[in-house]
Protein backbone atom coordinates (compact mmCIF):
# COMPACT_ATOMS: atom_id res chain seq x y z
CA MET A 1 30.76 37.19 76.36
CA LYS A 2 29.15 34.06 77.62
CA SER A 3 25.72 35.41 76.67
CA ASN A 4 26.85 36.09 73.06
CA ARG A 5 28.23 32.54 72.64
CA GLN A 6 24.93 31.10 73.80
CA PHE A 7 23.03 33.17 71.20
CA LEU A 8 25.24 31.93 68.34
CA PHE A 9 24.82 28.36 69.51
CA VAL A 10 21.01 28.70 69.38
CA VAL A 11 20.70 30.64 66.10
CA LEU A 12 23.17 28.64 64.01
CA PRO A 13 21.24 25.33 64.06
CA ALA A 14 18.07 27.23 63.23
CA CYS A 15 19.78 28.69 60.14
CA ILE A 16 20.95 25.23 59.10
CA LEU A 17 17.46 23.81 59.48
CA LEU A 18 16.00 26.73 57.52
CA THR A 19 18.52 26.16 54.71
CA MET A 20 17.79 22.42 54.63
CA TYR A 21 14.06 23.07 54.47
CA SER A 22 14.52 25.58 51.65
CA CYS A 23 16.58 23.07 49.63
CA HIS A 24 14.03 20.34 50.22
CA GLY A 25 11.21 22.58 49.07
CA SER A 26 13.17 23.54 45.96
CA HIS A 27 13.71 19.84 45.16
CA GLU A 28 10.00 19.13 45.44
CA THR A 29 9.21 22.04 43.09
CA ALA A 30 11.71 20.78 40.51
CA SER A 31 10.21 17.30 40.71
CA ASP A 32 6.70 18.69 40.26
CA ASN A 33 7.83 20.70 37.23
CA SER A 34 9.46 17.62 35.71
CA ASP A 35 6.27 15.58 36.14
CA LYS A 36 4.23 18.41 34.63
CA LYS A 37 6.54 18.58 31.59
CA LEU A 38 6.32 14.81 31.11
CA LEU A 39 2.54 14.90 31.26
CA ASP A 40 2.37 17.83 28.83
CA SER A 41 4.68 15.98 26.43
CA LEU A 42 2.56 12.82 26.55
CA ILE A 43 -0.62 14.82 25.94
CA ARG A 44 0.89 16.63 22.95
CA GLN A 45 2.03 13.45 21.21
CA SER A 46 -1.06 11.40 21.97
CA ASN A 47 -3.35 10.39 19.11
CA LEU A 48 -6.82 11.78 19.67
CA VAL A 49 -10.06 10.32 18.31
CA ASN A 50 -13.70 11.27 18.55
CA ILE A 51 -16.23 9.07 20.27
CA GLN A 52 -18.59 7.49 17.74
CA GLU A 53 -21.99 5.88 17.90
CA LEU A 54 -21.74 2.59 15.98
CA PRO A 55 -23.70 -0.63 15.57
CA VAL A 56 -22.39 -3.19 18.05
CA THR A 57 -20.53 -5.82 16.04
CA SER A 58 -18.78 -9.07 16.66
CA SER A 59 -15.81 -10.04 14.57
CA ILE A 60 -13.99 -12.93 12.99
CA ASP A 61 -10.31 -12.23 13.45
CA LEU A 62 -7.96 -13.48 10.73
CA THR A 63 -4.43 -13.01 9.50
CA GLY A 64 -3.56 -12.29 5.91
CA LYS A 65 -1.39 -10.30 3.57
CA VAL A 66 -1.65 -7.36 1.19
CA SER A 67 -1.71 -8.09 -2.53
CA VAL A 68 -2.00 -5.92 -5.64
CA ASP A 69 -5.09 -5.46 -7.76
CA GLU A 70 -4.14 -7.25 -10.98
CA ASN A 71 -6.63 -5.11 -12.91
CA ARG A 72 -4.65 -2.01 -11.91
CA SER A 73 -1.23 -3.53 -12.58
CA ALA A 74 0.88 -4.14 -15.68
CA ARG A 75 3.36 -6.98 -16.05
CA ILE A 76 5.99 -6.25 -18.67
CA PHE A 77 7.42 -9.24 -20.56
CA PRO A 78 10.37 -9.19 -23.00
CA LEU A 79 9.55 -8.80 -26.68
CA ALA A 80 12.92 -10.25 -27.62
CA GLY A 81 15.96 -11.72 -25.93
CA GLY A 82 19.03 -9.62 -25.33
CA ILE A 83 21.47 -8.07 -22.87
CA VAL A 84 20.43 -5.35 -20.43
CA ILE A 85 22.35 -2.14 -21.12
CA ASN A 86 20.67 0.14 -18.60
CA VAL A 87 17.97 -0.04 -15.91
CA ALA A 88 16.48 3.37 -15.14
CA VAL A 89 14.30 2.50 -12.12
CA GLU A 90 14.35 0.52 -8.89
CA VAL A 91 11.66 -1.31 -6.94
CA GLY A 92 9.53 1.23 -5.10
CA ASP A 93 10.03 4.04 -7.64
CA TYR A 94 6.96 5.86 -8.92
CA VAL A 95 6.89 6.08 -12.71
CA GLN A 96 4.70 7.95 -15.15
CA LYS A 97 3.16 6.28 -18.18
CA ASP A 98 5.70 6.06 -21.05
CA GLN A 99 8.65 6.68 -18.70
CA LEU A 100 11.84 4.80 -19.64
CA LEU A 101 12.40 1.64 -17.56
CA ALA A 102 15.32 -0.08 -19.33
CA THR A 103 17.39 -0.28 -22.51
CA ILE A 104 18.11 -3.66 -24.12
CA LYS A 105 20.68 -4.66 -26.74
CA SER A 106 19.17 -7.36 -28.93
CA PRO A 107 20.37 -9.14 -32.11
CA GLU A 108 16.72 -9.99 -32.72
CA LEU A 109 16.06 -6.30 -33.33
CA ILE A 110 18.54 -6.37 -36.25
CA ASP A 111 16.61 -9.32 -37.70
CA ALA A 112 13.35 -7.42 -37.33
CA GLN A 113 14.84 -4.41 -39.11
CA LYS A 114 16.07 -6.67 -41.93
CA ASP A 115 12.58 -8.14 -42.25
CA TYR A 116 11.16 -4.63 -42.48
CA LYS A 117 13.62 -3.65 -45.20
CA ASN A 118 12.90 -6.85 -47.13
CA ASP A 119 9.15 -6.30 -46.87
CA GLU A 120 9.60 -2.70 -47.97
CA ALA A 121 11.57 -3.86 -51.03
CA GLU A 122 8.95 -6.51 -51.76
CA VAL A 123 6.21 -3.86 -51.85
CA LEU A 124 8.19 -1.80 -54.34
CA ASN A 125 8.73 -4.91 -56.46
CA GLN A 126 5.05 -5.87 -56.41
CA GLU A 127 4.04 -2.30 -57.31
CA LYS A 128 6.22 -2.54 -60.43
CA ASN A 129 4.64 -5.91 -61.25
CA VAL A 130 1.16 -4.44 -60.95
CA GLU A 131 2.08 -1.54 -63.28
CA ALA A 132 3.45 -3.97 -65.83
CA ALA A 133 0.46 -6.29 -65.48
CA LYS A 134 -1.88 -3.34 -65.92
CA ALA A 135 -0.30 -2.49 -69.26
CA LEU A 136 -0.46 -6.13 -70.41
CA TYR A 137 -4.09 -6.42 -69.29
CA LYS A 138 -5.09 -3.30 -71.24
CA SER A 139 -3.33 -4.60 -74.38
CA GLY A 140 -5.08 -7.97 -74.04
CA LEU A 141 -1.88 -9.90 -73.39
CA MET A 142 -2.93 -10.83 -69.79
CA SER A 143 -6.18 -12.26 -68.54
CA GLU A 144 -8.26 -10.54 -65.87
CA LYS A 145 -7.63 -13.43 -63.49
CA GLU A 146 -3.85 -13.03 -63.81
CA TYR A 147 -4.14 -9.27 -63.33
CA ILE A 148 -6.20 -9.69 -60.13
CA LEU A 149 -3.69 -12.25 -58.85
CA THR A 150 -0.90 -9.69 -59.32
CA GLN A 151 -2.89 -7.10 -57.35
CA ASN A 152 -3.42 -9.63 -54.59
CA GLN A 153 0.32 -10.23 -54.36
CA LEU A 154 0.83 -6.47 -53.87
CA GLN A 155 -1.75 -6.39 -51.07
CA ILE A 156 -0.06 -9.33 -49.33
CA ALA A 157 3.29 -7.53 -49.52
CA LYS A 158 1.73 -4.36 -48.03
CA ASN A 159 0.20 -6.36 -45.18
CA ASN A 160 3.58 -7.93 -44.38
CA LEU A 161 5.20 -4.50 -44.41
CA GLN A 162 2.56 -3.15 -42.02
CA LYS A 163 3.20 -6.04 -39.60
CA SER A 164 6.95 -5.45 -39.70
CA LYS A 165 6.42 -1.74 -39.07
CA GLU A 166 4.12 -2.39 -36.09
CA LEU A 167 6.65 -4.83 -34.66
CA LEU A 168 9.42 -2.23 -34.84
CA ASN A 169 7.14 0.33 -33.18
CA ILE A 170 6.48 -2.12 -30.34
CA TYR A 171 10.22 -2.59 -29.90
CA HIS A 172 10.71 1.18 -29.33
CA GLN A 173 14.10 1.28 -31.04
CA GLY A 174 16.76 3.23 -29.12
CA THR A 175 19.56 5.42 -30.35
CA LYS A 176 21.38 2.44 -31.87
CA PRO A 177 20.00 0.00 -34.46
CA ASP A 178 20.46 -3.02 -32.17
CA GLU A 179 18.93 -1.44 -29.03
CA PHE A 180 15.34 -1.06 -27.93
CA ASN A 181 13.74 0.68 -24.94
CA ILE A 182 11.16 -0.57 -22.46
CA TYR A 183 8.65 2.05 -21.27
CA ALA A 184 6.06 1.99 -18.49
CA PRO A 185 2.65 1.15 -19.99
CA VAL A 186 0.83 2.73 -17.02
CA SER A 187 1.58 5.14 -14.19
CA GLY A 188 2.28 3.60 -10.79
CA TYR A 189 4.90 2.08 -8.52
CA VAL A 190 7.50 -0.44 -9.64
CA ILE A 191 6.66 -3.38 -7.38
CA GLU A 192 8.75 -5.99 -9.18
CA LYS A 193 12.05 -5.86 -11.10
CA ASN A 194 13.74 -8.99 -12.41
CA ILE A 195 16.61 -7.56 -14.47
CA SER A 196 19.84 -5.71 -13.77
CA PRO A 197 22.57 -4.27 -16.04
CA ASN A 198 24.68 -6.76 -18.04
CA THR A 199 22.28 -9.65 -17.47
CA GLN A 200 21.03 -11.70 -20.42
CA PHE A 201 17.57 -13.16 -20.96
CA GLN A 202 15.57 -15.00 -23.60
CA GLY A 203 12.57 -13.53 -25.35
CA SER A 204 10.58 -16.68 -24.60
CA GLN A 205 10.97 -16.49 -20.80
CA SER A 206 7.78 -16.59 -18.77
CA GLN A 207 8.99 -14.27 -15.98
CA SER A 208 8.08 -10.60 -16.29
CA LEU A 209 10.85 -7.99 -16.38
CA PHE A 210 8.85 -5.38 -14.44
CA THR A 211 5.50 -5.05 -12.73
CA VAL A 212 3.95 -1.60 -12.31
CA SER A 213 0.89 -1.01 -10.12
CA ASP A 214 -0.78 2.22 -9.03
CA LEU A 215 -1.54 0.86 -5.48
CA ASN A 216 -4.47 3.25 -5.07
CA GLU A 217 -6.68 0.23 -4.56
CA ILE A 218 -5.33 -3.01 -3.15
CA TYR A 219 -6.50 -6.38 -1.89
CA VAL A 220 -6.02 -8.08 1.44
CA ASP A 221 -6.31 -11.87 1.27
CA ALA A 222 -7.18 -14.06 4.26
CA ASN A 223 -8.13 -17.67 5.01
CA VAL A 224 -11.40 -18.42 6.83
CA TYR A 225 -11.66 -21.62 8.86
CA GLU A 226 -14.49 -24.01 8.10
CA THR A 227 -16.31 -23.23 11.36
CA ASP A 228 -16.62 -19.52 10.41
CA ILE A 229 -17.60 -19.85 6.74
CA ASN A 230 -21.31 -19.27 7.48
CA LYS A 231 -20.48 -15.88 9.06
CA VAL A 232 -18.79 -14.42 5.96
CA HIS A 233 -20.75 -12.71 3.17
CA MET A 234 -20.05 -10.56 0.15
CA ASN A 235 -19.74 -6.83 0.97
CA ASP A 236 -19.22 -7.50 4.70
CA SER A 237 -17.23 -4.67 6.30
CA VAL A 238 -13.66 -5.42 7.31
CA TYR A 239 -11.21 -3.56 9.53
CA ILE A 240 -7.52 -4.05 8.82
CA THR A 241 -4.54 -3.22 11.02
CA THR A 242 -0.82 -3.64 10.40
CA LEU A 243 2.43 -3.70 12.31
CA ALA A 244 3.68 -0.76 10.27
CA TYR A 245 0.87 1.61 11.37
CA PRO A 246 -0.14 0.72 14.96
CA GLY A 247 -3.46 2.26 15.92
CA LYS A 248 -4.41 3.07 12.32
CA ILE A 249 -7.48 1.26 11.00
CA PHE A 250 -8.02 0.63 7.28
CA ARG A 251 -11.59 -0.08 6.14
CA GLY A 252 -12.78 -2.16 3.24
CA LYS A 253 -15.37 -4.71 2.13
CA ILE A 254 -15.32 -8.37 1.16
CA SER A 255 -15.13 -8.29 -2.66
CA LYS A 256 -14.56 -11.96 -3.44
CA ILE A 257 -15.20 -15.31 -1.78
CA LEU A 258 -13.52 -18.38 -3.24
CA ASN A 259 -16.16 -21.00 -2.51
CA VAL A 260 -13.75 -23.91 -2.31
CA LEU A 261 -11.69 -25.27 0.56
CA ASP A 262 -7.95 -25.68 0.45
CA PRO A 263 -7.48 -29.46 0.83
CA THR A 264 -4.44 -29.01 3.05
CA THR A 265 -5.47 -26.20 5.45
CA LYS A 266 -9.25 -26.74 5.22
CA THR A 267 -9.74 -23.00 4.87
CA MET A 268 -11.60 -20.83 2.38
CA LYS A 269 -9.89 -17.80 0.89
CA VAL A 270 -11.63 -14.41 1.00
CA ARG A 271 -10.48 -11.13 -0.46
CA ALA A 272 -11.18 -7.61 0.78
CA LYS A 273 -10.80 -4.57 -1.46
CA LEU A 274 -9.97 -1.15 -0.05
CA ASP A 275 -8.70 2.28 -0.94
CA ASN A 276 -5.03 2.50 -0.07
CA ASN A 277 -3.57 6.01 -0.33
CA ILE A 278 -0.16 4.27 -0.68
CA TYR A 279 0.04 3.24 3.00
CA LEU A 280 -0.21 -0.51 2.46
CA LYS A 281 2.52 -2.33 0.53
CA PRO A 282 2.29 -5.66 -1.34
CA GLU A 283 3.19 -8.69 0.81
CA MET A 284 2.67 -6.70 4.04
CA PHE A 285 1.33 -8.76 6.95
CA ALA A 286 -2.17 -7.72 8.07
CA GLN A 287 -4.68 -8.46 10.82
CA ILE A 288 -8.21 -8.65 9.42
CA SER A 289 -11.49 -8.40 11.32
CA ILE A 290 -14.66 -9.32 9.45
CA LEU A 291 -17.57 -7.67 11.24
CA TYR A 292 -21.17 -8.75 11.63
CA GLU A 293 -23.73 -6.60 13.47
CA SER A 294 -26.04 -7.36 16.39
CA GLY A 295 -28.45 -4.50 15.67
CA GLU A 296 -27.73 -2.44 18.83
CA ILE A 297 -26.06 1.00 18.62
CA MET A 298 -23.68 2.23 21.35
CA LYS A 299 -20.84 4.65 21.96
CA ALA A 300 -17.59 3.22 20.61
CA ILE A 301 -13.87 3.95 20.80
CA PRO A 302 -10.78 2.01 19.66
CA LYS A 303 -9.80 -0.65 22.20
CA THR A 304 -6.37 0.98 22.58
CA ALA A 305 -8.04 3.95 24.30
CA VAL A 306 -9.34 1.90 27.24
CA VAL A 307 -7.26 1.82 30.43
CA PHE A 308 -8.04 -1.07 32.78
CA ASP A 309 -7.09 -0.50 36.42
CA ASN A 310 -8.33 -2.29 39.56
CA SER A 311 -11.19 -3.97 37.66
CA ILE A 312 -12.42 -0.61 36.35
CA ASN A 313 -12.22 0.78 32.80
CA TYR A 314 -11.22 4.38 32.16
CA LEU A 315 -10.79 6.81 29.26
CA VAL A 316 -8.18 9.58 29.15
CA ILE A 317 -9.90 12.65 27.73
CA GLN A 318 -8.06 15.77 26.62
CA SER A 319 -9.45 18.97 28.02
CA ALA A 320 -7.80 22.15 26.68
CA ASP A 321 -4.05 21.69 27.41
CA SER A 322 -4.62 19.08 30.13
CA ALA A 323 -6.17 15.65 30.46
CA ILE A 324 -8.79 14.14 32.72
CA VAL A 325 -9.80 10.57 33.48
CA LYS A 326 -13.37 9.30 33.24
CA LYS A 327 -14.77 5.96 34.31
CA ILE A 328 -16.74 3.96 31.71
CA ASP A 329 -18.70 0.71 31.64
CA VAL A 330 -17.50 -1.46 28.72
CA ARG A 331 -20.39 -3.61 27.48
CA SER A 332 -18.88 -5.32 24.44
CA THR A 333 -15.67 -5.48 22.42
CA ASN A 334 -14.37 -6.80 19.14
CA SER A 335 -10.85 -6.75 17.76
CA ILE A 336 -11.08 -3.03 16.93
CA TYR A 337 -13.67 -1.29 19.11
CA ALA A 338 -14.89 -1.21 22.69
CA TYR A 339 -18.60 -0.38 23.12
CA PHE A 340 -19.42 1.37 26.38
CA GLU A 341 -21.74 3.48 28.51
CA GLY A 342 -20.67 6.38 30.67
CA ASP A 343 -20.68 10.12 31.26
CA VAL A 344 -18.71 10.92 28.10
CA SER A 345 -19.76 13.31 25.34
CA LYS A 346 -19.34 12.67 21.60
CA LYS A 347 -17.42 15.96 21.52
CA ASP A 348 -14.74 14.64 23.87
CA LYS A 349 -11.31 13.85 22.40
CA VAL A 350 -9.99 10.51 23.65
CA SER A 351 -6.32 9.52 23.79
CA THR A 352 -5.45 6.26 22.00
CA LYS A 353 -1.65 6.52 22.14
CA ASP A 354 0.13 6.33 25.51
CA ALA A 355 -3.23 6.38 27.29
CA LEU A 356 -1.87 4.22 30.12
CA LEU A 357 1.19 6.47 30.58
CA ILE A 358 -0.99 9.58 30.74
CA TYR A 359 -3.33 7.85 33.18
CA ASN A 360 -0.41 6.95 35.46
CA ALA A 361 1.04 10.47 35.23
CA ILE A 362 -2.30 12.00 36.25
CA ASN A 363 -2.75 9.64 39.20
CA ASP A 364 0.84 9.82 40.54
């Protein structure tokens, strides 16, 4: 009996230790799996870009805002005063050409219809006068000069009728005699709306009721300080970034330079034109980099792809379903790109989003 008790006393602690070791090993495996899932998730959602070979450029970094191309926009002013019955669109809506925007009730439309009826009656009256004058002229009771004068009066009446008719067509009369409709003159987005139902306005007001713009091409305006004016030229390339689309670069060219200084800010306004694809919105804040080249060509990646750790620069490169880290030597940067040398192929896909998180996950 004493021998058996000694055996249990020896074996039991060994079992406990074995169980504790097994649990500890299981915990480490779970932790490893969790880290692997986190890394996989970061890799999947990372933005990947190709490495490019680009001319090394320096940049002038400016702030500005997005504005519409006036040549691709239509401001709609009231033809007559009235009361707004219905507004069919809101700011931001896309409208097709000739789509209904609003319906207006206007007493001025009644006056225009009366003028049309009066002009129509005047034409009929002058036609009768010409017929009578024709008979008198043939019988010798009216001179040729008087007959021509009568014909001229008919032509004047017809001209007035045509003007009244064109005015009514411009009004786009609605279903009721005292209502007219406003239609979109072009296709595009409603970027401005200054009326709402039951409001009243005057036909002589200078403020537009609607502004419609297609937004396929837009401008970005910026102010250049006096010290940088000599670095800016027509058709210079510009890179534009926004808060709304971090990491996304919009490209354009300088299309206009206003060669005067603002007396208050001592800056010169420049304007860049670029294709939009509806990303950029009017009045949106923008960061603008005007680039000028040094003549050298190097490998380039967006600055957001570079990870700086212990005085060394790295890139996180996706390889199949995993990621690897490669050391690079950054030689030059501007506000958009980092130019570098290193053992990296142009075929490599480089992470620009969460590059630091992926780097830390790989090195943990």
